[in-house]
């Protein structure tokens, strides 16, 4: 939009159907005519990798009752059209963020105003429980109000389909087209209380039971001997994870009390992101104080987890998402009766570690690879019902055990992580030592994610231009190594430079570029679907001849990563 169009859009928010508070705040923004005003109205808030996320406030590019109401009105009409002879049912959950409970009620009202039966959680609950409930209650769709690990000013809206997975094609485009055809005046906010049913603790308990069935796989080990420090980082996992671990036999769990109370301000951390070592500092400090074996931390909506374990020197070390994924997948494969399964497979994503393919080959299972986001792993399960899904993950600290939940699930994954460590400890080992054994067998894969934050209108334009430049002028060398293959997921092409051959990628289109180097290194570039960032995913590899050389190899690979980053002026 140009400035005149932005002003015209904003002025429409100063009259009916918008309420008095919205009108007042909109008029203040128009008067200020600053960057906040421009960014609030210059576009409609978009759906990305993890649904729709944005800053809360007034405007078409903000999270508020009207933008969410319009989405819900469109989804309601779509559902009623798709299932004309059924009582349509949806489930709604929300996390600890500011306004989440109020916005969840708004969404429930719009659904019920359109004749849809709503199962609403009475208080904050983890995202995986929403996915589970969609299936358990035979719902047609589900909504969770969350912005995951984004800053406190954000909130979001994730949409789930009948299988418990997030929206994927073709439903996503069909629903978005319908939403785009609506006006804000079309939204029916007049809820029908008769159609809104509050869920109870019994619904939590069946989920916990099934989580234990899926994640408690280590056999006869003394779980009480594993000393665990757990932090919910002010989020929803405090409602289920401690109880799940307790029922599974983990009685030596120490909670970081300063971070145990849900709080949308996340007062003790800069970012409630378990990927960041700083976010787990209080937990690590407690672990060192009490000599704990491991630390587990989850993000605000409890779908991702970070794990810190003792290294060979006894120091707490945060595993990255790829390390956690391969360690848990290897353990899961070891404990599974693969021969009894029909066409078993594991799942991963195109920006995650290639080591998942090594594991699949070693255990004679398939490794399916999809775009970033667990909705694509859920789609793998839905599209291949004749195959047995064992587990899978992605580099961004998400993991899914089995298919009873169709999204990344920190509740069951936390239990699996504890099982993995309890089993190792019962065999006089540690998770870290078991990980190094994997590197001895498959080679050391070392990965690094670098995110460049580019906020606002200018930032979005800069990210767009960076991707254009990489496509129009792709590097011939990166870090001193020849680029031998370029995959462009927007164009669906795989170009082999050495063979001068181009193939078609059989995967949905996405704004992702991946460069493969002559030495086996892999670099992916993609704009984030949930934050104002462009992300670079780097994976390098070399052989490891003995455990004692692991630290040296790490240093060598880190130097290689630095050379790659220098090629991108990062």
Protein backbone atom coordinates (compact mmCIF):
# COMPACT_ATOMS: atom_id res chain seq x y z
CA UNK A 1 0.00 0.00 0.00
CA UNK A 2 1.06 3.60 -0.55
CA UNK A 3 0.54 6.25 2.13
CA UNK A 4 -2.87 7.28 0.81
CA UNK A 5 -4.10 3.70 0.86
CA UNK A 6 -2.74 3.17 4.37
CA UNK A 7 -4.59 6.29 5.59
CA UNK A 8 -7.80 5.20 3.90
CA UNK A 9 -7.60 1.77 5.51
CA UNK A 10 -6.91 3.30 8.92
CA UNK A 11 -9.82 5.73 8.60
CA UNK A 12 -12.17 2.79 8.01
CA UNK A 13 -11.23 1.63 11.52
CA UNK A 14 -12.66 4.86 13.03
CA UNK A 15 -16.29 3.91 12.38
CA UNK A 16 -18.62 0.93 12.71
CA UNK A 17 -18.21 -2.00 13.19
CA UNK A 18 -15.17 -1.12 15.34
CA UNK A 19 -15.68 -0.47 19.04
CA UNK A 20 -14.98 2.78 20.87
CA UNK A 21 -11.62 1.69 22.26
CA UNK A 22 -10.39 0.62 18.81
CA UNK A 23 -11.57 3.89 17.27
CA UNK A 24 -9.78 5.93 19.93
CA UNK A 25 -6.49 4.08 19.50
CA UNK A 26 -6.73 4.24 15.71
CA UNK A 27 -7.30 8.00 15.77
CA UNK A 28 -4.22 8.36 17.99
CA UNK A 29 -2.13 6.39 15.49
CA UNK A 30 -3.43 8.47 12.55
CA UNK A 31 -2.50 11.64 14.42
CA UNK A 32 0.98 10.33 15.24
CA UNK A 33 1.54 9.26 11.61
CA UNK A 34 4.73 7.45 12.63
CA UNK A 35 6.32 4.11 11.80
CA UNK A 36 3.95 2.30 14.16
CA UNK A 37 0.98 3.75 12.27
CA UNK A 38 2.38 2.71 8.90
CA UNK A 39 3.26 -0.81 10.05
CA UNK A 40 -0.14 -1.31 11.70
CA UNK A 41 -2.08 -0.77 8.48
CA UNK A 42 0.18 -1.26 5.45
CA UNK A 43 -0.91 -4.87 4.87
CA UNK A 44 -3.07 -7.67 6.22
CA UNK A 45 -1.41 -9.95 8.76
CA UNK A 46 -0.28 -13.07 6.93
CA UNK A 47 -0.16 -16.79 7.69
CA UNK A 48 3.36 -18.20 7.86
CA UNK A 49 5.14 -21.41 8.86
CA UNK A 50 3.47 -21.57 12.28
CA UNK A 51 0.12 -19.95 11.55
CA UNK A 52 -0.41 -16.23 12.01
CA UNK A 53 1.73 -14.27 14.45
CA UNK A 54 2.06 -10.57 15.00
CA UNK A 55 2.31 -7.70 17.41
CA UNK A 56 -0.87 -7.04 19.38
CA UNK A 57 -2.61 -3.74 18.68
CA UNK A 58 -5.10 -2.10 16.35
CA UNK A 59 -4.77 -2.40 12.60
CA UNK A 60 -4.93 -4.92 9.79
CA UNK A 61 -1.32 -5.99 10.41
CA UNK A 62 -1.84 -6.61 14.12
CA UNK A 63 -3.32 -9.27 16.36
CA UNK A 64 -6.65 -8.06 17.73
CA UNK A 65 -10.26 -9.20 18.10
CA UNK A 66 -11.11 -8.03 14.58
CA UNK A 67 -8.29 -9.68 12.65
CA UNK A 68 -8.80 -12.92 14.59
CA UNK A 69 -12.56 -12.53 14.33
CA UNK A 70 -12.37 -12.20 10.55
CA UNK A 71 -10.15 -15.27 10.32
CA UNK A 72 -12.56 -17.24 12.49
CA UNK A 73 -15.60 -16.07 10.52
CA UNK A 74 -13.97 -17.25 7.30
CA UNK A 75 -12.96 -20.56 8.85
CA UNK A 76 -16.47 -21.02 10.26
CA UNK A 77 -18.07 -20.52 6.85
CA UNK A 78 -15.58 -22.89 5.26
CA UNK A 79 -16.21 -25.59 7.85
CA UNK A 80 -19.99 -25.29 7.56
CA UNK A 81 -19.70 -25.54 3.78
CA UNK A 82 -17.37 -28.55 3.91
CA UNK A 83 -19.48 -30.46 6.45
CA UNK A 84 -23.08 -29.39 5.73
CA UNK A 85 -24.71 -32.49 7.25
CA UNK A 86 -22.66 -32.63 10.46
CA UNK A 87 -22.51 -30.77 13.74
CA UNK A 88 -19.16 -29.07 13.21
CA UNK A 89 -16.88 -29.16 16.26
CA UNK A 90 -13.69 -27.25 17.06
CA UNK A 91 -11.32 -27.18 20.03
CA UNK A 92 -9.62 -24.02 21.31
CA UNK A 93 -6.58 -23.67 23.57
CA UNK A 94 -4.40 -20.73 24.55
CA UNK A 95 -1.09 -20.02 26.22
CA UNK A 96 0.24 -17.59 28.83
CA UNK A 97 0.49 -14.51 26.64
CA UNK A 98 -1.25 -11.25 27.32
CA UNK A 99 -4.83 -11.24 26.00
CA UNK A 100 -4.71 -14.94 25.06
CA UNK A 101 -7.64 -15.90 27.27
CA UNK A 102 -9.75 -12.97 26.08
CA UNK A 103 -8.91 -13.61 22.43
CA UNK A 104 -9.71 -17.32 22.86
CA UNK A 105 -13.16 -16.30 24.11
CA UNK A 106 -13.61 -14.01 21.09
CA UNK A 107 -12.75 -16.89 18.78
CA UNK A 108 -15.11 -19.21 20.65
CA UNK A 109 -17.90 -16.65 20.34
CA UNK A 110 -17.48 -16.32 16.58
CA UNK A 111 -17.46 -20.08 16.06
CA UNK A 112 -20.54 -20.57 18.22
CA UNK A 113 -22.31 -17.65 16.55
CA UNK A 114 -21.93 -19.64 13.34
CA UNK A 115 -23.53 -22.75 14.86
CA UNK A 116 -20.27 -24.57 15.60
CA UNK A 117 -19.78 -26.56 18.82
CA UNK A 118 -16.70 -25.38 20.72
CA UNK A 119 -14.55 -27.31 23.20
CA UNK A 120 -12.73 -24.57 25.12
CA UNK A 121 -9.97 -25.14 27.65
CA UNK A 122 -10.81 -23.18 30.83
CA UNK A 123 -7.18 -22.18 31.39
CA UNK A 124 -3.86 -22.16 29.58
CA UNK A 125 -2.71 -25.48 28.14
CA UNK A 126 0.18 -26.75 25.96
CA UNK A 127 -0.20 -26.69 22.18
CA UNK A 128 0.28 -30.49 21.79
CA UNK A 129 -2.76 -31.05 24.01
CA UNK A 130 -4.81 -29.03 21.50
CA UNK A 131 -3.60 -31.23 18.63
CA UNK A 132 -4.43 -34.31 20.69
CA UNK A 133 -7.88 -33.00 21.63
CA UNK A 134 -8.84 -32.31 18.01
CA UNK A 135 -8.43 -36.03 17.35
CA UNK A 136 -9.76 -37.25 20.71
CA UNK A 137 -12.99 -35.25 20.38
CA UNK A 138 -13.43 -35.96 16.65
CA UNK A 139 -13.22 -32.25 15.92
CA UNK A 140 -13.20 -30.81 12.44
CA UNK A 141 -10.64 -28.16 13.34
CA UNK A 142 -8.76 -26.60 16.23
CA UNK A 143 -7.27 -23.25 17.22
CA UNK A 144 -4.49 -22.37 19.63
CA UNK A 145 -3.76 -18.79 20.62
CA UNK A 146 0.03 -18.56 20.92
CA UNK A 147 3.10 -16.82 19.56
CA UNK A 148 5.46 -19.57 20.70
CA UNK A 149 8.81 -18.05 21.69
CA UNK A 150 8.27 -14.59 20.12
CA UNK A 151 8.71 -11.46 22.28
CA UNK A 152 6.00 -10.47 24.81
CA UNK A 153 4.26 -8.01 22.51
CA UNK A 154 3.33 -10.83 20.10
CA UNK A 155 0.41 -13.22 19.95
CA UNK A 156 -0.75 -15.65 17.31
CA UNK A 157 -3.38 -17.97 15.86
CA UNK A 158 -2.66 -21.53 14.73
CA UNK A 159 -5.26 -23.52 12.81
CA UNK A 160 -5.46 -27.32 12.99
CA UNK A 161 -7.43 -29.72 10.79
CA UNK A 162 -9.25 -33.01 11.49
CA UNK A 163 -6.08 -35.10 11.67
CA UNK A 164 -4.64 -32.91 14.45
CA UNK A 165 -2.05 -31.36 12.15
CA UNK A 166 -1.81 -27.72 11.17
CA UNK A 167 -3.38 -26.50 7.95
CA UNK A 168 -1.64 -27.52 4.73
CA UNK A 169 -2.65 -27.28 1.06
CA UNK A 170 -5.24 -27.23 -0.32
CA UNK A 171 -7.30 -26.21 2.73
CA UNK A 172 -5.00 -23.35 3.69
CA UNK A 173 -5.36 -21.44 0.41
CA UNK A 174 -9.09 -22.11 0.17
CA UNK A 175 -9.64 -20.76 3.68
CA UNK A 176 -7.37 -17.76 3.13
CA UNK A 177 -9.22 -16.89 -0.08
CA UNK A 178 -12.53 -17.00 1.79
CA UNK A 179 -11.17 -14.86 4.63
CA UNK A 180 -9.87 -12.36 2.07
CA UNK A 181 -13.33 -12.02 0.56
CA UNK A 182 -14.87 -10.92 3.86
CA UNK A 183 -15.28 -7.49 5.40
CA UNK A 184 -14.90 -6.85 9.12
CA UNK A 185 -18.61 -6.06 9.23
CA UNK A 186 -19.29 -9.68 8.22
CA UNK A 187 -17.92 -11.03 11.51
CA UNK A 188 -20.56 -12.35 13.91
CA UNK A 189 -19.23 -11.85 17.45
CA UNK A 190 -22.53 -12.75 19.17
CA UNK A 191 -21.62 -16.09 20.71
CA UNK A 192 -24.02 -18.83 21.72
CA UNK A 193 -23.10 -20.04 25.22
CA UNK A 194 -25.08 -23.24 24.63
CA UNK A 195 -22.50 -24.28 22.05
CA UNK A 196 -19.39 -23.56 24.16
CA UNK A 197 -18.32 -26.50 26.34
CA UNK A 198 -15.50 -26.14 28.85
CA UNK A 199 -13.07 -29.04 29.02
CA UNK A 200 -11.99 -30.58 32.33
CA UNK A 201 -9.01 -32.23 34.05
CA UNK A 202 -10.21 -35.56 32.67
CA UNK A 203 -9.19 -34.37 29.22
CA UNK A 204 -5.71 -33.60 30.55
CA UNK A 205 -5.43 -37.03 32.16
CA UNK A 206 -6.09 -39.05 29.00
CA UNK A 207 -3.40 -37.05 27.22
CA UNK A 208 -0.91 -37.66 30.03
CA UNK A 209 -1.71 -41.39 29.93
CA UNK A 210 -1.11 -41.56 26.19
CA UNK A 211 2.08 -39.49 26.50
CA UNK A 212 3.43 -42.04 28.99
CA UNK A 213 2.45 -44.92 26.69
CA UNK A 214 4.36 -43.29 23.82
CA UNK A 215 7.38 -41.94 25.68
CA UNK A 216 8.10 -44.41 28.49
CA UNK A 217 10.16 -46.93 26.55
CA UNK A 218 13.43 -47.47 28.46
CA UNK A 219 12.32 -50.68 30.15
CA UNK A 220 13.22 -51.57 33.72
CA UNK A 221 15.44 -48.70 34.88
CA UNK A 222 15.50 -46.78 38.15
CA UNK A 223 13.96 -43.49 37.09
CA UNK A 224 14.12 -42.05 40.61
CA UNK A 225 17.92 -41.90 40.32
CA UNK A 226 17.83 -39.37 37.48
CA UNK A 227 18.11 -35.86 38.91
CA UNK A 228 16.33 -33.39 36.62
CA UNK A 229 16.01 -29.61 36.64
CA UNK A 230 12.93 -28.40 34.78
CA UNK A 231 11.86 -24.90 33.76
CA UNK A 232 8.67 -23.88 31.98
CA UNK A 233 10.10 -20.40 31.20
CA UNK A 234 6.86 -18.83 32.50
CA UNK A 235 4.82 -20.88 30.02
CA UNK A 236 2.11 -23.53 29.82
CA UNK A 237 4.20 -26.67 30.30
CA UNK A 238 4.02 -26.25 34.08
CA UNK A 239 0.41 -27.48 33.80
CA UNK A 240 1.34 -30.95 32.48
CA UNK A 241 5.04 -31.84 32.33
CA UNK A 242 5.81 -32.16 36.07
CA UNK A 243 2.78 -34.39 36.52
CA UNK A 244 3.65 -36.48 33.44
CA UNK A 245 7.20 -37.06 34.69
CA UNK A 246 5.93 -37.91 38.18
CA UNK A 247 3.45 -40.51 36.90
CA UNK A 248 6.18 -42.01 34.73
CA UNK A 249 8.38 -42.54 37.80
CA UNK A 250 10.62 -39.46 37.72
CA UNK A 251 10.36 -38.28 41.30
CA UNK A 252 13.68 -36.41 41.48
CA UNK A 253 12.52 -33.36 39.51
CA UNK A 254 13.54 -29.86 40.64
CA UNK A 255 11.51 -26.97 39.23
CA UNK A 256 12.96 -23.49 38.72
CA UNK A 257 10.40 -21.76 40.91
CA UNK A 258 11.24 -18.23 39.71
CA UNK A 259 10.08 -19.28 36.22
CA UNK A 260 7.23 -21.60 37.23
CA UNK A 261 4.42 -19.01 37.32
CA UNK A 262 2.94 -18.35 33.84
CA UNK A 263 3.65 -14.75 32.86
CA UNK A 264 3.35 -13.17 29.43
CA UNK A 265 6.08 -10.67 30.25
CA UNK A 266 8.63 -13.49 30.68
CA UNK A 267 10.35 -11.36 33.34
CA UNK A 268 13.41 -13.51 34.05
CA UNK A 269 14.58 -13.99 30.44
CA UNK A 270 15.44 -11.84 27.47
CA UNK A 271 13.66 -14.36 25.24
CA UNK A 272 11.57 -17.40 26.31
CA UNK A 273 13.37 -19.50 23.72
CA UNK A 274 14.97 -22.79 24.82
CA UNK A 275 17.30 -22.51 21.81
CA UNK A 276 19.10 -19.72 23.64
CA UNK A 277 21.58 -20.70 26.36
CA UNK A 278 20.71 -17.50 28.22
CA UNK A 279 17.09 -18.64 28.60
CA UNK A 280 18.21 -21.75 30.50
CA UNK A 281 20.83 -20.02 32.66
CA UNK A 282 18.76 -20.12 35.86
CA UNK A 283 18.05 -23.81 35.29
CA UNK A 284 21.70 -24.59 34.62
CA UNK A 285 22.74 -22.64 37.74
CA UNK A 286 20.30 -24.72 39.81
CA UNK A 287 21.57 -27.91 38.18
CA UNK A 288 25.13 -27.05 39.12
CA UNK A 289 24.06 -26.18 42.65
CA UNK A 290 22.35 -29.54 43.24
CA UNK A 291 24.55 -31.62 40.89
CA UNK A 292 21.68 -32.57 38.58
CA UNK A 293 22.13 -34.85 35.58
CA UNK A 294 20.17 -32.82 33.07
CA UNK A 295 18.19 -29.64 32.43
CA UNK A 296 14.98 -29.41 30.42
CA UNK A 297 13.32 -26.16 29.39
CA UNK A 298 10.27 -25.56 27.21
CA UNK A 299 8.94 -22.61 25.24
CA UNK A 300 5.75 -20.75 26.27
CA UNK A 301 3.28 -23.03 24.47
CA UNK A 302 5.22 -26.21 25.32
CA UNK A 303 5.78 -27.58 21.85
CA UNK A 304 9.59 -27.20 21.83
CA UNK A 305 12.21 -28.21 24.35
CA UNK A 306 15.86 -27.46 25.09
CA UNK A 307 18.07 -30.00 26.85
CA UNK A 308 21.35 -29.48 28.69
CA UNK A 309 23.43 -32.49 29.75
CA UNK A 310 26.80 -33.14 31.38
CA UNK A 311 29.69 -33.24 28.90
CA UNK A 312 32.85 -35.33 29.30
CA UNK A 313 34.28 -32.72 31.69
CA UNK A 314 31.13 -32.69 33.83
CA UNK A 315 29.97 -29.28 32.60
CA UNK A 316 26.37 -28.59 31.59
CA UNK A 317 26.13 -28.25 27.82
CA UNK A 318 23.03 -27.23 25.87
CA UNK A 319 22.48 -29.57 22.96
CA UNK A 320 21.32 -27.93 19.76
CA UNK A 321 18.10 -29.02 18.10
CA UNK A 322 19.84 -31.30 15.63
CA UNK A 323 21.82 -33.06 18.37
CA UNK A 324 18.71 -33.59 20.47
CA UNK A 325 16.84 -34.88 17.42
CA UNK A 326 19.44 -37.46 16.39
CA UNK A 327 20.07 -38.63 19.96
CA UNK A 328 16.35 -39.11 20.63
CA UNK A 329 15.70 -40.69 17.24
CA UNK A 330 18.56 -43.18 17.67
CA UNK A 331 17.28 -44.10 21.14
CA UNK A 332 13.72 -44.43 19.84
CA UNK A 333 14.86 -46.66 16.98
CA UNK A 334 16.93 -48.83 19.32
CA UNK A 335 13.98 -49.38 21.63
CA UNK A 336 11.43 -50.00 18.86
CA UNK A 337 10.44 -53.34 17.41
CA UNK A 338 11.12 -52.19 13.87
CA UNK A 339 10.71 -55.63 12.30
CA UNK A 340 7.12 -55.78 13.56
CA UNK A 341 6.26 -52.44 11.94
CA UNK A 342 4.83 -52.03 8.46
CA UNK A 343 6.99 -49.75 6.30
CA UNK A 344 8.38 -47.70 9.23
CA UNK A 345 9.66 -44.18 8.71
CA UNK A 346 11.08 -41.20 10.57
CA UNK A 347 10.49 -37.56 9.66
CA UNK A 348 12.68 -34.51 9.29
CA UNK A 349 12.88 -31.21 7.39
CA UNK A 350 15.00 -29.85 4.55
CA UNK A 351 16.93 -27.48 6.86
CA UNK A 352 17.66 -30.08 9.54
CA UNK A 353 20.74 -32.29 9.90
CA UNK A 354 21.46 -34.81 7.11
CA UNK A 355 22.46 -37.22 9.89
CA UNK A 356 18.81 -38.30 10.11
CA UNK A 357 19.28 -40.05 6.76
CA UNK A 358 22.31 -41.91 8.16
CA UNK A 359 20.21 -43.18 11.06
CA UNK A 360 17.42 -44.24 8.72
CA UNK A 361 19.85 -46.20 6.56
CA UNK A 362 21.47 -47.90 9.57
CA UNK A 363 18.12 -49.07 10.98
CA UNK A 364 16.64 -49.85 7.55
CA UNK A 365 13.77 -47.39 7.82
CA UNK A 366 12.74 -44.57 5.51
CA UNK A 367 13.50 -40.93 6.29
CA UNK A 368 10.91 -38.61 4.79
CA UNK A 369 11.90 -34.97 4.49
CA UNK A 370 9.53 -32.01 4.26
CA UNK A 371 9.51 -28.24 4.40
CA UNK A 372 10.14 -26.39 7.65
CA UNK A 373 7.35 -26.85 10.17
CA UNK A 374 5.72 -29.85 11.79
CA UNK A 375 2.60 -29.47 9.70
CA UNK A 376 4.59 -31.15 6.93
CA UNK A 377 5.57 -34.09 9.15
CA UNK A 378 1.90 -34.40 10.14
CA UNK A 379 1.05 -34.39 6.43
CA UNK A 380 3.52 -37.25 5.86
CA UNK A 381 1.57 -39.33 8.38
CA UNK A 382 -1.78 -38.35 6.85
CA UNK A 383 -0.62 -39.05 3.29
CA UNK A 384 0.91 -42.43 4.12
CA UNK A 385 -1.54 -44.16 6.50
CA UNK A 386 -0.20 -47.57 5.47
CA UNK A 387 3.23 -46.72 6.94
CA UNK A 388 4.26 -46.71 10.60
CA UNK A 389 5.59 -43.35 11.84
CA UNK A 390 8.15 -43.83 14.61
CA UNK A 391 9.18 -40.28 15.40
CA UNK A 392 10.75 -37.18 13.96
CA UNK A 393 11.92 -33.67 14.53
CA UNK A 394 13.43 -30.52 13.18
CA UNK A 395 16.43 -28.40 14.03
CA UNK A 396 14.34 -25.77 15.84
CA UNK A 397 14.09 -27.89 19.03
CA UNK A 398 10.87 -29.70 18.15
CA UNK A 399 10.18 -33.43 18.35
CA UNK A 400 7.19 -35.75 17.93
CA UNK A 401 7.00 -39.28 19.33
CA UNK A 402 4.61 -41.48 17.39
CA UNK A 403 1.48 -40.11 15.76
CA UNK A 404 -0.99 -39.69 18.63
CA UNK A 405 -0.12 -35.96 18.53
CA UNK A 406 0.31 -34.40 15.09
CA UNK A 407 2.55 -31.50 16.06
CA UNK A 408 5.81 -31.04 17.90
CA UNK A 409 5.20 -32.09 21.46
CA UNK A 410 7.44 -31.02 24.34
CA UNK A 411 5.40 -33.01 26.87
CA UNK A 412 6.08 -36.46 25.42
CA UNK A 413 9.50 -35.40 24.13
CA UNK A 414 10.52 -34.36 27.67
CA UNK A 415 9.60 -37.82 28.89
CA UNK A 416 11.52 -39.44 26.02
CA UNK A 417 14.58 -37.31 26.85
CA UNK A 418 14.45 -38.47 30.46
CA UNK A 419 14.06 -42.08 29.34
CA UNK A 420 17.08 -41.69 27.10
CA UNK A 421 19.19 -40.35 29.95
CA UNK A 422 17.89 -42.85 32.53
CA UNK A 423 18.75 -45.71 30.17
CA UNK A 424 22.23 -44.32 29.54
CA UNK A 425 22.81 -43.81 33.26
CA UNK A 426 21.71 -47.36 34.02
CA UNK A 427 24.46 -48.49 31.63
CA UNK A 428 27.13 -46.25 33.24
CA UNK A 429 26.97 -43.75 30.37
CA UNK A 430 25.52 -40.31 29.64
CA UNK A 431 23.55 -38.79 26.79
CA UNK A 432 26.63 -36.82 25.78
CA UNK A 433 28.75 -39.96 25.60
CA UNK A 434 26.08 -41.72 23.56
CA UNK A 435 26.01 -38.77 21.16
CA UNK A 436 29.77 -38.99 20.62
CA UNK A 437 29.37 -42.71 19.90
CA UNK A 438 26.98 -41.74 17.12
CA UNK A 439 29.58 -39.33 15.74
CA UNK A 440 32.19 -42.10 15.76
CA UNK A 441 29.85 -44.22 13.68
CA UNK A 442 28.42 -41.65 11.27
CA UNK A 443 30.87 -38.74 11.38
CA UNK A 444 30.60 -35.45 13.26
CA UNK A 445 27.81 -33.26 11.94
CA UNK A 446 28.08 -29.74 13.27
CA UNK A 447 25.29 -27.29 12.59
CA UNK A 448 24.76 -23.61 13.23
CA UNK A 449 21.75 -21.35 12.75
CA UNK A 450 22.32 -17.64 12.18
CA UNK A 451 19.27 -15.35 12.19
CA UNK A 452 19.42 -11.77 10.93
CA UNK A 453 16.61 -9.67 12.40
CA UNK A 454 15.08 -7.16 9.96
CA UNK A 455 12.07 -5.43 11.50
CA UNK A 456 9.33 -3.37 9.94
CA UNK A 457 8.49 -2.43 6.36
CA UNK A 458 12.10 -1.71 5.42
CA UNK A 459 13.25 -4.95 7.03
CA UNK A 460 10.76 -7.01 5.04
CA UNK A 461 11.96 -5.34 1.85
CA UNK A 462 15.59 -6.00 2.76
CA UNK A 463 14.93 -9.70 3.39
CA UNK A 464 13.09 -9.96 0.08
CA UNK A 465 16.00 -8.35 -1.74
CA UNK A 466 18.55 -10.65 -0.08
CA UNK A 467 16.70 -13.70 -1.40
CA UNK A 468 16.41 -12.12 -4.87
CA UNK A 469 20.16 -11.44 -4.92
CA UNK A 470 20.98 -15.02 -3.90
CA UNK A 471 18.78 -16.33 -6.71
CA UNK A 472 19.94 -13.96 -9.43
CA UNK A 473 23.61 -14.11 -8.45
CA UNK A 474 24.13 -17.46 -6.72
CA UNK A 475 27.62 -17.93 -5.25
CA UNK A 476 30.01 -20.18 -7.21
CA UNK A 477 32.09 -20.80 -4.09
CA UNK A 478 31.26 -20.66 -0.37
CA UNK A 479 33.95 -20.89 2.26
CA UNK A 480 36.52 -21.78 -0.38
CA UNK A 481 34.49 -24.76 -1.62
CA UNK A 482 32.75 -25.08 -4.98
CA UNK A 483 28.95 -24.98 -4.97
CA UNK A 484 27.97 -28.18 -6.75
CA UNK A 485 24.18 -28.25 -6.23
CA UNK A 486 21.60 -25.49 -5.81
CA UNK A 487 18.06 -26.28 -4.72
CA UNK A 488 15.47 -23.55 -5.20
CA UNK A 489 12.23 -24.52 -3.52
CA UNK A 490 10.39 -21.49 -4.88
CA UNK A 491 11.16 -22.63 -8.43
CA UNK A 492 11.02 -26.36 -7.50
CA UNK A 493 14.41 -26.94 -9.14
CA UNK A 494 17.54 -28.86 -8.22
CA UNK A 495 20.50 -27.75 -10.34
CA UNK A 496 23.63 -29.92 -10.42
CA UNK A 497 26.44 -27.62 -11.53
CA UNK A 498 28.95 -30.39 -12.25
CA UNK A 499 26.58 -32.46 -14.38
CA UNK A 500 24.92 -29.38 -15.88
CA UNK A 501 21.59 -31.02 -15.06
CA UNK A 502 18.39 -29.61 -13.60
CA UNK A 503 15.73 -31.74 -11.91
CA UNK A 504 12.27 -30.93 -10.54
CA UNK A 505 11.80 -31.02 -6.77
CA UNK A 506 8.73 -33.02 -5.76
CA UNK A 507 7.87 -30.91 -2.74
CA UNK A 508 5.55 -27.91 -2.21
CA UNK A 509 6.96 -24.54 -3.19
CA UNK A 510 8.61 -22.44 -0.51
CA UNK A 511 10.97 -19.46 -0.34
CA UNK A 512 14.06 -21.55 0.45
CA UNK A 513 17.48 -21.85 -1.19
CA UNK A 514 19.92 -24.65 -0.35
CA UNK A 515 23.53 -24.79 -1.50
CA UNK A 516 25.55 -28.04 -1.36
CA UNK A 517 29.35 -27.77 -1.43
CA UNK A 518 32.00 -30.10 -2.79
CA UNK A 519 33.09 -31.13 0.73
CA UNK A 520 29.55 -32.17 1.75
CA UNK A 521 28.64 -28.94 3.55
CA UNK A 522 25.07 -27.68 3.26
CA UNK A 523 23.80 -24.10 3.59
CA UNK A 524 20.12 -23.16 3.54
CA UNK A 525 18.66 -19.65 3.42
CA UNK A 526 15.03 -18.82 4.13
CA UNK A 527 12.98 -15.96 5.55
CA UNK A 528 11.32 -16.94 8.82
CA UNK A 529 7.62 -17.69 8.58
CA UNK A 530 6.94 -16.44 12.11
CA UNK A 531 9.42 -13.63 12.85
CA UNK A 532 11.02 -10.67 11.00
CA UNK A 533 14.20 -12.63 10.26
CA UNK A 534 16.17 -14.24 7.48
CA UNK A 535 17.77 -17.49 8.60
CA UNK A 536 20.92 -19.25 7.45
CA UNK A 537 21.25 -22.94 8.37
CA UNK A 538 24.76 -24.36 8.06
CA UNK A 539 25.74 -28.02 8.29
CA UNK A 540 29.33 -29.27 8.02
CA UNK A 541 30.74 -32.74 8.54
CA UNK A 542 33.96 -34.71 8.97
CA UNK A 543 35.01 -38.12 10.27
CA UNK A 544 35.86 -38.82 13.92
CA UNK A 545 38.48 -41.51 14.58
CA UNK A 546 38.38 -41.58 18.39
CA UNK A 547 36.49 -39.97 21.27
CA UNK A 548 39.54 -38.06 22.49
CA UNK A 549 39.64 -36.05 19.23
CA UNK A 550 36.04 -34.82 19.42
CA UNK A 551 36.91 -31.40 20.87
CA UNK A 552 39.58 -30.87 18.21
CA UNK A 553 37.17 -31.83 15.44
CA UNK A 554 34.56 -29.44 16.85
CA UNK A 555 37.07 -26.59 16.67
CA UNK A 556 37.98 -27.44 13.08
CA UNK A 557 34.34 -27.55 12.04
CA UNK A 558 33.61 -24.28 13.82
CA UNK A 559 36.40 -22.66 11.80
CA UNK A 560 34.81 -24.05 8.63
CA UNK A 561 31.45 -22.55 9.64
CA UNK A 562 33.11 -19.17 10.23
CA UNK A 563 34.53 -19.31 6.71
CA UNK A 564 31.09 -20.05 5.30
CA UNK A 565 29.54 -17.14 7.20
CA UNK A 566 32.29 -14.83 5.98
CA UNK A 567 31.31 -15.70 2.40
CA UNK A 568 27.86 -14.24 3.12
CA UNK A 569 29.34 -11.22 4.97
CA UNK A 570 27.72 -12.43 8.17
